[in-house]
């Protein structure tokens, strides 16, 4: 059975869903704890209200008998209150009834308390004042005795009321302590959940990052490595296993690389066949045309010699084009080899000038070489090839009677060679493109000047294989200065 291999889309869904579910769980937990916390706080506040009202009820309940006793036993008092205590006590009882509506046990205690209150209030009405002197001492003694009996019953009833009130209040205080403890526990749980959310988010982010990057990072690195190998013409890393997008892309890249390699092999085979089959016949034909143009055969007319000379020049350009194509046929310029060594750059420049002196004399161009002795770490033959190409181009595009100047300059651990002419110049938008294959300043250069568009790319590859750099400075109509830099010493960057 084929195992399921997640693609980048599936991993993206995991990155979205897992943190979302975790956040939903944390949010639900916090909402529940917050609701529980609020309910606990409300319950605690309600029980504190109950304790407050039961204390107020007891205060006013005691006030009922106290006021009555003061009026009975204390003579010549003008003691009075604005609001009767029994009315206030009944108001507190009404509040307590509402607050204890859901607690049957506490309501039962409250009912016993209110019954005691009614008894106390009824007994308070049995008390009679004893301050009336007209009634006589005996009547006062009888009234006092009766009041004392009533007071004794009142005291017993108040003590009973105190017991019920204490029981109700202690029950609420115990509940308040429990609720306060619950509030503390819930507050700690909220803190724990918040801590878990922070730590959990960090852990989930790390795990999801590892899960998402596992395979993707390696796949991208393999793909980049294959791109680099393909660019440099090296063997590719084996195709990645799997069915995700990167593996599929790598598989398609391998298919493309195989197709390119096949076409490259076909191109190389074609160019090799063409060069092998055509080089010798073309060279023989060129030699024959050269003899005709030089008047070796007296039977050829002047017009025929001119035609032969033109045909010989065309064949010469064709041979140059074939040689350039052969040099560029393999990816990465693998057919061009450099063998750098310590050499005199001044002598190399002079050898290149000697090689093109005939062409310069034919066009009336003077060549000026460097004076100072400068050394470089380079392959002399390849640098001569670069200079011959640059000098040939300078001669082609210079006006008769002008000069082409070659100079050398030391730049720290590099040496710079400059080839300056007074030709037409290179437009700004082409100063990078002319170093690409088959690129020329003007489309007519291939026919009028005999260019192939491959000379400068070859120069660029040779200089870069030495670890150097090549470029051009130019003003249209004022001439061009092609320059390249080489190391004075060290290894090449092949």
Protein backbone atom coordinates (compact mmCIF):
# COMPACT_ATOMS: atom_id res chain seq x y z
CA UNK A 1 0.00 0.00 0.00
CA UNK A 2 1.38 3.39 -0.99
CA UNK A 3 2.11 5.56 2.04
CA UNK A 4 0.73 9.07 2.20
CA UNK A 5 3.37 11.75 1.75
CA UNK A 6 2.20 15.25 2.62
CA UNK A 7 2.74 18.02 0.13
CA UNK A 8 3.58 21.62 0.92
CA UNK A 9 -0.14 22.45 0.79
CA UNK A 10 -0.89 19.82 3.43
CA UNK A 11 1.96 21.04 5.62
CA UNK A 12 0.61 24.56 5.24
CA UNK A 13 -2.79 23.35 6.47
CA UNK A 14 -1.08 21.79 9.49
CA UNK A 15 0.66 25.11 10.16
CA UNK A 16 -2.75 26.80 10.08
CA UNK A 17 -4.96 24.24 11.86
CA UNK A 18 -2.75 23.16 14.78
CA UNK A 19 -2.12 26.67 16.20
CA UNK A 20 -5.77 27.55 15.54
CA UNK A 21 -7.04 24.53 17.51
CA UNK A 22 -4.60 25.25 20.31
CA UNK A 23 -5.71 28.88 20.49
CA UNK A 24 -9.38 27.82 20.47
CA UNK A 25 -8.69 25.43 23.37
CA UNK A 26 -6.84 28.15 25.32
CA UNK A 27 -9.58 30.69 24.60
CA UNK A 28 -12.34 28.27 25.67
CA UNK A 29 -10.43 27.46 28.88
CA UNK A 30 -9.96 31.13 29.69
CA UNK A 31 -13.60 31.94 28.95
CA UNK A 32 -14.77 29.10 31.23
CA UNK A 33 -12.36 30.08 34.02
CA UNK A 34 -13.30 33.73 33.66
CA UNK A 35 -17.00 32.87 33.93
CA UNK A 36 -16.34 30.64 36.94
CA UNK A 37 -14.21 33.38 38.50
CA UNK A 38 -16.94 35.98 38.03
CA UNK A 39 -19.57 33.64 39.49
CA UNK A 40 -17.34 32.92 42.49
CA UNK A 41 -16.77 36.63 43.06
CA UNK A 42 -20.51 37.29 42.83
CA UNK A 43 -21.22 34.48 45.30
CA UNK A 44 -18.61 35.83 47.69
CA UNK A 45 -20.08 39.32 47.44
CA UNK A 46 -23.60 37.93 48.02
CA UNK A 47 -22.52 36.09 51.16
CA UNK A 48 -20.86 39.21 52.48
CA UNK A 49 -24.14 41.01 51.88
CA UNK A 50 -25.97 38.28 53.79
CA UNK A 51 -23.58 38.62 56.75
CA UNK A 52 -24.01 42.38 56.66
CA UNK A 53 -27.81 42.22 56.64
CA UNK A 54 -27.99 39.55 59.35
CA UNK A 55 -25.82 41.78 61.56
CA UNK A 56 -28.09 44.72 60.81
CA UNK A 57 -31.15 42.58 61.52
CA UNK A 58 -29.74 41.50 64.89
CA UNK A 59 -28.83 45.09 65.74
CA UNK A 60 -32.35 46.34 65.03
CA UNK A 61 -33.93 43.29 66.67
CA UNK A 62 -32.03 43.98 69.89
CA UNK A 63 -33.04 47.62 69.51
CA UNK A 64 -36.71 46.67 69.73
CA UNK A 65 -36.39 45.27 73.27
CA UNK A 66 -33.73 47.79 74.33
CA UNK A 67 -35.93 50.78 73.50
CA UNK A 68 -38.85 49.21 75.29
CA UNK A 69 -36.81 48.36 78.40
CA UNK A 70 -35.39 51.87 78.55
CA UNK A 71 -38.85 53.34 78.45
CA UNK A 72 -40.08 50.94 81.13
CA UNK A 73 -37.24 51.02 83.66
CA UNK A 74 -35.71 54.43 83.19
CA UNK A 75 -37.79 57.25 84.63
CA UNK A 76 -38.00 60.74 83.24
CA UNK A 77 -36.38 59.86 79.93
CA UNK A 78 -37.12 61.56 76.68
CA UNK A 79 -35.39 58.84 74.67
CA UNK A 80 -36.93 58.45 71.26
CA UNK A 81 -35.82 57.27 67.81
CA UNK A 82 -36.67 58.62 64.39
CA UNK A 83 -37.39 55.18 62.88
CA UNK A 84 -38.74 52.30 64.89
CA UNK A 85 -36.26 49.38 65.22
CA UNK A 86 -38.90 46.76 64.42
CA UNK A 87 -39.58 48.40 61.07
CA UNK A 88 -35.84 48.39 60.23
CA UNK A 89 -35.48 44.79 61.39
CA UNK A 90 -38.35 43.69 59.13
CA UNK A 91 -36.71 45.54 56.19
CA UNK A 92 -33.47 43.64 56.80
CA UNK A 93 -35.47 40.40 56.99
CA UNK A 94 -36.95 41.17 53.58
CA UNK A 95 -33.42 41.64 52.13
CA UNK A 96 -32.27 38.38 53.70
CA UNK A 97 -35.24 36.50 52.28
CA UNK A 98 -34.27 37.57 48.76
CA UNK A 99 -30.58 36.84 49.26
CA UNK A 100 -31.25 33.35 50.68
CA UNK A 101 -33.93 32.44 48.14
CA UNK A 102 -31.90 29.52 46.80
CA UNK A 103 -30.74 28.07 50.12
CA UNK A 104 -33.50 26.16 51.92
CA UNK A 105 -31.35 25.40 54.94
CA UNK A 106 -30.53 29.03 55.52
CA UNK A 107 -34.15 30.03 54.90
CA UNK A 108 -35.15 27.60 57.64
CA UNK A 109 -32.70 29.29 60.03
CA UNK A 110 -33.99 32.68 58.97
CA UNK A 111 -37.55 31.54 59.65
CA UNK A 112 -36.56 30.51 63.19
CA UNK A 113 -34.86 33.90 63.68
CA UNK A 114 -37.93 35.87 62.56
CA UNK A 115 -40.16 33.75 64.81
CA UNK A 116 -37.92 34.62 67.76
CA UNK A 117 -38.10 38.26 66.71
CA UNK A 118 -41.90 38.20 66.71
CA UNK A 119 -41.95 36.59 70.14
CA UNK A 120 -39.56 39.19 71.51
CA UNK A 121 -41.60 41.99 70.05
CA UNK A 122 -44.80 40.49 71.54
CA UNK A 123 -43.20 40.13 74.95
CA UNK A 124 -41.90 43.68 74.74
CA UNK A 125 -45.49 44.85 74.55
CA UNK A 126 -46.20 43.08 77.87
CA UNK A 127 -43.84 45.43 79.68
CA UNK A 128 -45.64 48.18 81.63
CA UNK A 129 -44.13 51.48 82.81
CA UNK A 130 -43.61 51.78 86.61
CA UNK A 131 -43.01 55.51 86.84
CA UNK A 132 -46.59 56.51 87.77
CA UNK A 133 -46.52 57.55 91.46
CA UNK A 134 -50.33 57.73 91.60
CA UNK A 135 -50.63 53.96 91.42
CA UNK A 136 -48.98 53.50 94.77
CA UNK A 137 -45.98 51.49 95.95
CA UNK A 138 -47.78 48.16 95.96
CA UNK A 139 -48.92 48.51 92.37
CA UNK A 140 -45.46 49.55 91.34
CA UNK A 141 -43.96 46.50 93.05
CA UNK A 142 -46.41 44.22 91.27
CA UNK A 143 -45.69 45.89 87.92
CA UNK A 144 -41.94 45.66 88.54
CA UNK A 145 -42.22 41.98 89.36
CA UNK A 146 -44.22 41.39 86.19
CA UNK A 147 -41.74 43.37 84.12
CA UNK A 148 -38.86 41.37 85.55
CA UNK A 149 -40.55 38.11 84.58
CA UNK A 150 -41.15 39.45 81.08
CA UNK A 151 -37.54 40.66 80.91
CA UNK A 152 -36.34 37.21 81.87
CA UNK A 153 -38.39 35.65 79.07
CA UNK A 154 -37.13 38.37 76.73
CA UNK A 155 -33.55 37.54 77.64
CA UNK A 156 -34.14 33.86 76.97
CA UNK A 157 -35.77 34.66 73.63
CA UNK A 158 -32.91 36.98 72.68
CA UNK A 159 -30.37 34.32 73.60
CA UNK A 160 -32.24 31.87 71.36
CA UNK A 161 -32.24 34.47 68.60
CA UNK A 162 -28.51 34.97 69.07
CA UNK A 163 -27.95 31.24 68.63
CA UNK A 164 -29.90 31.16 65.37
CA UNK A 165 -28.18 34.30 64.10
CA UNK A 166 -24.73 32.91 64.97
CA UNK A 167 -25.55 29.66 63.19
CA UNK A 168 -26.72 31.47 60.04
CA UNK A 169 -23.76 33.85 60.07
CA UNK A 170 -21.15 31.17 60.67
CA UNK A 171 -22.57 29.12 57.83
CA UNK A 172 -22.24 32.12 55.50
CA UNK A 173 -18.74 32.90 56.77
CA UNK A 174 -17.66 29.32 56.08
CA UNK A 175 -19.15 29.56 52.61
CA UNK A 176 -17.38 32.90 52.10
CA UNK A 177 -14.04 31.39 53.05
CA UNK A 178 -14.63 28.51 50.62
CA UNK A 179 -15.65 30.89 47.87
CA UNK A 180 -12.59 33.07 48.49
CA UNK A 181 -10.40 29.98 48.23
CA UNK A 182 -12.12 29.04 44.98
CA UNK A 183 -11.51 32.56 43.65
CA UNK A 184 -7.81 32.20 44.46
CA UNK A 185 -7.66 28.78 42.82
CA UNK A 186 -9.38 30.06 39.68
CA UNK A 187 -7.04 33.06 39.55
CA UNK A 188 -4.04 30.71 39.76
CA UNK A 189 -5.56 28.49 37.08
CA UNK A 190 -5.96 31.51 34.79
CA UNK A 191 -2.30 32.36 35.33
CA UNK A 192 -1.33 28.74 34.61
CA UNK A 193 -3.41 28.70 31.42
CA UNK A 194 -1.77 31.93 30.26
CA UNK A 195 1.65 30.46 30.99
CA UNK A 196 0.74 27.27 29.14
CA UNK A 197 -0.45 29.41 26.21
CA UNK A 198 2.89 31.23 26.01
CA UNK A 199 5.06 28.13 26.44
CA UNK A 200 2.74 26.01 24.29
CA UNK A 201 2.79 28.54 21.45
CA UNK A 202 6.59 28.57 21.53
CA UNK A 203 6.80 24.76 21.54
CA UNK A 204 4.16 24.38 18.83
CA UNK A 205 5.87 27.03 16.70
CA UNK A 206 9.21 25.23 17.05
CA UNK A 207 7.73 21.80 16.31
CA UNK A 208 5.72 23.08 13.35
CA UNK A 209 8.80 24.88 12.02
CA UNK A 210 10.78 21.64 12.20
CA UNK A 211 7.92 19.70 10.64
CA UNK A 212 7.47 22.21 7.84
CA UNK A 213 11.18 22.70 7.14
CA UNK A 214 12.03 19.01 7.39
CA UNK A 215 12.44 17.87 3.85
CA UNK A 216 11.69 21.30 2.39
CA UNK A 217 15.04 22.78 3.40
CA UNK A 218 16.94 19.73 2.21
CA UNK A 219 14.89 19.62 -0.98
CA UNK A 220 15.52 23.28 -1.74
CA UNK A 221 19.23 22.86 -1.05
CA UNK A 222 19.35 19.84 -3.36
CA UNK A 223 17.49 21.76 -6.05
CA UNK A 224 19.86 24.73 -5.73
CA UNK A 225 22.83 22.39 -5.86
CA UNK A 226 21.46 20.78 -9.03
CA UNK A 227 20.95 24.20 -10.59
CA UNK A 228 24.56 25.08 -9.79
CA UNK A 229 25.82 21.76 -11.18
CA UNK A 230 23.72 22.21 -14.30
CA UNK A 231 25.09 25.70 -14.83
CA UNK A 232 28.67 24.47 -14.43
CA UNK A 233 28.11 21.40 -16.59
CA UNK A 234 28.65 18.94 -13.71
CA UNK A 235 26.74 15.78 -12.88
CA UNK A 236 23.47 16.38 -11.00
CA UNK A 237 22.64 15.07 -7.56
CA UNK A 238 20.28 12.06 -7.81
CA UNK A 239 16.58 12.94 -7.94
CA UNK A 240 14.79 13.28 -4.60
CA UNK A 241 12.29 10.67 -3.49
CA UNK A 242 8.75 11.72 -2.61
CA UNK A 243 5.66 13.23 -4.16
CA UNK A 244 5.67 16.75 -2.75
CA UNK A 245 6.02 19.80 -4.97
CA UNK A 246 9.79 20.15 -4.48
CA UNK A 247 10.40 16.48 -5.33
CA UNK A 248 8.21 16.82 -8.42
CA UNK A 249 10.04 20.01 -9.39
CA UNK A 250 13.38 18.26 -8.94
CA UNK A 251 12.17 15.35 -11.08
CA UNK A 252 11.09 17.78 -13.82
CA UNK A 253 14.45 19.54 -13.52
CA UNK A 254 16.25 16.22 -14.03
CA UNK A 255 14.09 15.56 -17.08
CA UNK A 256 14.90 19.00 -18.44
CA UNK A 257 18.61 18.52 -17.73
CA UNK A 258 18.56 15.19 -19.56
CA UNK A 259 16.82 16.82 -22.52
CA UNK A 260 19.35 19.66 -22.52
CA UNK A 261 22.24 17.20 -22.24
CA UNK A 262 20.83 15.22 -25.15
CA UNK A 263 20.49 18.34 -27.29
CA UNK A 264 23.95 19.44 -26.19
CA UNK A 265 25.40 16.11 -27.24
CA UNK A 266 23.60 16.39 -30.55
CA UNK A 267 24.97 19.90 -31.01
CA UNK A 268 28.49 18.81 -30.13
CA UNK A 269 28.25 15.87 -32.48
CA UNK A 270 26.97 18.12 -35.23
CA UNK A 271 29.67 20.75 -34.71
CA UNK A 272 32.40 18.12 -34.47
CA UNK A 273 31.16 16.49 -37.66
CA UNK A 274 30.94 19.80 -39.45
CA UNK A 275 34.40 20.87 -38.29
CA UNK A 276 35.95 17.51 -39.15
CA UNK A 277 34.28 17.18 -42.54
CA UNK A 278 34.56 20.80 -43.61
CA UNK A 279 37.78 22.09 -42.05
CA UNK A 280 40.19 20.43 -44.45
CA UNK A 281 38.19 21.11 -47.66
CA UNK A 282 37.63 24.72 -46.64
CA UNK A 283 41.28 25.19 -45.72
CA UNK A 284 42.39 23.70 -49.04
CA UNK A 285 39.97 25.91 -50.91
CA UNK A 286 41.17 28.97 -49.00
CA UNK A 287 44.82 28.18 -49.83
CA UNK A 288 43.95 27.81 -53.48
CA UNK A 289 42.00 31.08 -53.46
CA UNK A 290 44.95 32.78 -51.73
CA UNK A 291 47.27 31.68 -54.54
CA UNK A 292 44.80 32.94 -57.12
CA UNK A 293 44.43 36.30 -55.38
CA UNK A 294 48.22 36.65 -55.16
CA UNK A 295 48.59 36.17 -58.94
CA UNK A 296 50.30 32.77 -58.84
CA UNK A 297 48.27 31.67 -61.85
CA UNK A 298 48.96 34.16 -64.72
CA UNK A 299 45.83 33.06 -66.55
CA UNK A 300 43.56 34.69 -63.95
CA UNK A 301 42.39 38.21 -64.72
CA UNK A 302 42.47 41.11 -62.30
CA UNK A 303 38.76 40.79 -61.75
CA UNK A 304 39.17 37.10 -61.00
CA UNK A 305 41.89 37.83 -58.44
CA UNK A 306 39.56 40.32 -56.71
CA UNK A 307 36.79 37.75 -56.65
CA UNK A 308 39.21 35.12 -55.32
CA UNK A 309 40.37 37.51 -52.60
CA UNK A 310 36.77 38.17 -51.53
CA UNK A 311 36.02 34.45 -51.49
CA UNK A 312 39.19 33.81 -49.46
CA UNK A 313 38.14 36.41 -46.86
CA UNK A 314 34.69 34.81 -46.60
CA UNK A 315 36.25 31.40 -46.03
CA UNK A 316 38.60 32.92 -43.44
CA UNK A 317 35.59 34.26 -41.52
CA UNK A 318 33.90 30.88 -41.80
CA UNK A 319 36.96 29.14 -40.33
CA UNK A 320 37.09 31.68 -37.47
CA UNK A 321 33.41 31.07 -36.79
CA UNK A 322 33.97 27.29 -36.70
CA UNK A 323 36.90 27.66 -34.30
CA UNK A 324 34.85 29.88 -31.98
CA UNK A 325 31.92 27.48 -32.05
CA UNK A 326 34.21 24.59 -31.19
CA UNK A 327 35.63 26.57 -28.25
CA UNK A 328 32.13 27.29 -26.94
CA UNK A 329 30.49 23.95 -27.65
CA UNK A 330 30.67 22.52 -24.09
CA UNK A 331 28.84 24.00 -21.03
CA UNK A 332 31.10 25.93 -18.72
CA UNK A 333 33.75 26.45 -21.40
CA UNK A 334 35.26 23.06 -20.55
CA UNK A 335 37.10 22.93 -23.89
CA UNK A 336 39.14 26.01 -22.96
CA UNK A 337 41.97 25.23 -20.53
CA UNK A 338 44.24 27.69 -18.77
CA UNK A 339 47.65 26.92 -17.30
CA UNK A 340 48.66 30.03 -15.37
CA UNK A 341 52.20 30.78 -14.31
CA UNK A 342 54.32 33.75 -13.45
CA UNK A 343 54.96 35.64 -16.70
CA UNK A 344 55.91 39.01 -18.11
CA UNK A 345 52.73 40.77 -19.11
CA UNK A 346 54.75 43.30 -21.11
CA UNK A 347 56.11 40.52 -23.32
CA UNK A 348 52.62 39.03 -23.69
CA UNK A 349 51.26 42.38 -24.86
CA UNK A 350 54.11 42.77 -27.34
CA UNK A 351 53.48 39.29 -28.76
CA UNK A 352 49.81 40.19 -29.30
CA UNK A 353 50.77 43.47 -30.99
CA UNK A 354 53.15 41.61 -33.31
CA UNK A 355 50.35 39.16 -34.21
CA UNK A 356 48.04 41.92 -35.45
CA UNK A 357 50.66 44.32 -36.80
CA UNK A 358 49.96 43.23 -40.38
CA UNK A 359 46.25 44.00 -40.05
CA UNK A 360 47.10 47.38 -38.44
CA UNK A 361 49.53 48.33 -41.24
CA UNK A 362 46.95 47.38 -43.87
CA UNK A 363 44.46 49.84 -42.30
CA UNK A 364 47.06 52.49 -41.44
CA UNK A 365 46.58 52.07 -37.68
CA UNK A 366 49.51 52.62 -35.31
CA UNK A 367 49.82 50.33 -32.26
CA UNK A 368 51.33 51.66 -29.01
CA UNK A 369 52.40 49.21 -26.30
CA UNK A 370 53.23 49.64 -22.60
CA UNK A 371 56.62 50.88 -21.48
CA UNK A 372 56.85 49.66 -17.87
CA UNK A 373 57.69 46.05 -17.08
CA UNK A 374 54.71 44.33 -15.37
CA UNK A 375 54.33 40.69 -14.31
CA UNK A 376 51.13 38.64 -13.85
CA UNK A 377 50.03 35.16 -12.86
CA UNK A 378 48.37 33.97 -16.08
CA UNK A 379 48.46 31.66 -19.08
CA UNK A 380 50.46 33.65 -21.67
CA UNK A 381 48.90 31.95 -24.71
CA UNK A 382 45.35 32.59 -23.47
CA UNK A 383 46.08 36.22 -22.61
CA UNK A 384 47.60 36.67 -26.07
CA UNK A 385 44.34 35.25 -27.45
CA UNK A 386 42.36 37.83 -25.42
CA UNK A 387 44.61 40.71 -26.50
CA UNK A 388 44.58 39.66 -30.17
CA UNK A 389 40.79 39.66 -30.09
CA UNK A 390 40.60 43.07 -28.39
CA UNK A 391 43.26 44.56 -30.70
CA UNK A 392 41.58 43.12 -33.79
CA UNK A 393 38.27 44.68 -32.78
CA UNK A 394 39.98 48.00 -32.05
CA UNK A 395 41.68 47.97 -35.45
CA UNK A 396 38.44 47.02 -37.25
CA UNK A 397 36.49 49.91 -35.76
CA UNK A 398 39.21 52.59 -35.79
CA UNK A 399 39.56 55.20 -38.49
CA UNK A 400 42.69 55.06 -40.72
CA UNK A 401 45.54 57.10 -39.32
CA UNK A 402 44.40 56.72 -35.68
CA UNK A 403 46.15 54.88 -32.85
CA UNK A 404 45.33 51.93 -30.59
CA UNK A 405 47.06 52.19 -27.22
CA UNK A 406 47.72 49.26 -24.86
CA UNK A 407 48.63 50.17 -21.27
CA UNK A 408 49.15 48.30 -18.01
CA UNK A 409 48.56 49.49 -14.44
CA UNK A 410 49.09 47.82 -11.06
CA UNK A 411 46.09 47.83 -8.66
CA UNK A 412 47.14 46.35 -5.31
CA UNK A 413 47.29 42.58 -5.95
CA UNK A 414 45.91 42.93 -9.50
CA UNK A 415 47.25 44.25 -12.78
CA UNK A 416 44.95 45.98 -15.26
CA UNK A 417 45.41 45.90 -19.03
CA UNK A 418 43.63 48.59 -21.09
CA UNK A 419 43.15 48.66 -24.89
CA UNK A 420 42.00 52.12 -26.02
CA UNK A 421 40.87 53.14 -29.51
CA UNK A 422 39.28 56.17 -31.15
CA UNK A 423 36.49 54.28 -32.91
CA UNK A 424 32.73 54.65 -32.88
CA UNK A 425 32.28 53.64 -29.22
CA UNK A 426 29.79 51.29 -27.55
CA UNK A 427 26.27 52.47 -26.58
CA UNK A 428 25.59 52.42 -22.83
CA UNK A 429 22.82 49.81 -23.10
CA UNK A 430 25.16 47.35 -24.88
CA UNK A 431 28.21 47.53 -22.61
CA UNK A 432 27.13 44.40 -20.76
CA UNK A 433 25.44 42.58 -23.62
CA UNK A 434 28.45 42.57 -25.97
CA UNK A 435 30.11 40.05 -23.65
CA UNK A 436 27.25 37.59 -24.27
CA UNK A 437 27.33 35.10 -27.14
CA UNK A 438 26.37 36.32 -30.61
CA UNK A 439 25.87 39.91 -29.41
CA UNK A 440 27.31 42.78 -31.50
CA UNK A 441 27.03 46.55 -31.45
CA UNK A 442 25.47 46.67 -34.93
CA UNK A 443 23.72 43.97 -36.93
CA UNK A 444 25.87 44.80 -39.98
CA UNK A 445 29.13 44.01 -38.17
CA UNK A 446 28.94 40.34 -39.13
CA UNK A 447 29.08 41.14 -42.85
CA UNK A 448 30.92 44.45 -42.98
CA UNK A 449 33.51 43.83 -40.26
CA UNK A 450 33.69 40.05 -40.32
CA UNK A 451 32.60 39.60 -36.68
CA UNK A 452 31.05 36.44 -35.25
CA UNK A 453 29.78 37.76 -31.92
CA UNK A 454 31.82 35.10 -30.08
CA UNK A 455 35.19 36.81 -29.58
CA UNK A 456 34.30 38.91 -26.52
CA UNK A 457 32.43 36.06 -24.75
CA UNK A 458 35.55 33.91 -25.16
CA UNK A 459 37.69 36.74 -23.77
CA UNK A 460 35.32 37.06 -20.81
CA UNK A 461 35.49 33.34 -20.04
CA UNK A 462 39.30 33.26 -20.26
CA UNK A 463 39.71 36.28 -17.98
CA UNK A 464 37.20 34.95 -15.44
CA UNK A 465 38.92 31.55 -15.43
CA UNK A 466 42.03 33.44 -14.29
CA UNK A 467 40.00 34.94 -11.43
CA UNK A 468 39.86 38.32 -13.15
CA UNK A 469 37.26 40.65 -14.55
CA UNK A 470 36.66 42.32 -17.93
CA UNK A 471 34.69 45.40 -18.95
CA UNK A 472 34.49 48.43 -21.23
CA UNK A 473 34.45 52.19 -20.83
CA UNK A 474 33.12 54.09 -23.80
CA UNK A 475 31.54 57.24 -25.17
CA UNK A 476 29.69 57.02 -28.47
CA UNK A 477 31.74 58.71 -31.21
CA UNK A 478 34.74 59.16 -28.89
CA UNK A 479 36.15 55.62 -28.81
CA UNK A 480 36.26 52.69 -26.38
CA UNK A 481 38.62 51.36 -23.74
CA UNK A 482 38.36 47.61 -23.09
CA UNK A 483 40.05 46.54 -19.89
CA UNK A 484 40.65 43.35 -17.95
CA UNK A 485 42.31 42.59 -14.65
CA UNK A 486 44.52 39.64 -13.72
CA UNK A 487 46.05 38.51 -10.44
CA UNK A 488 49.68 39.33 -9.82
CA UNK A 489 50.17 36.05 -7.97
CA UNK A 490 48.17 33.13 -6.58
CA UNK A 491 45.77 30.44 -7.78
CA UNK A 492 43.20 30.70 -10.55
CA UNK A 493 39.47 30.36 -10.00
CA UNK A 494 38.89 27.60 -12.47
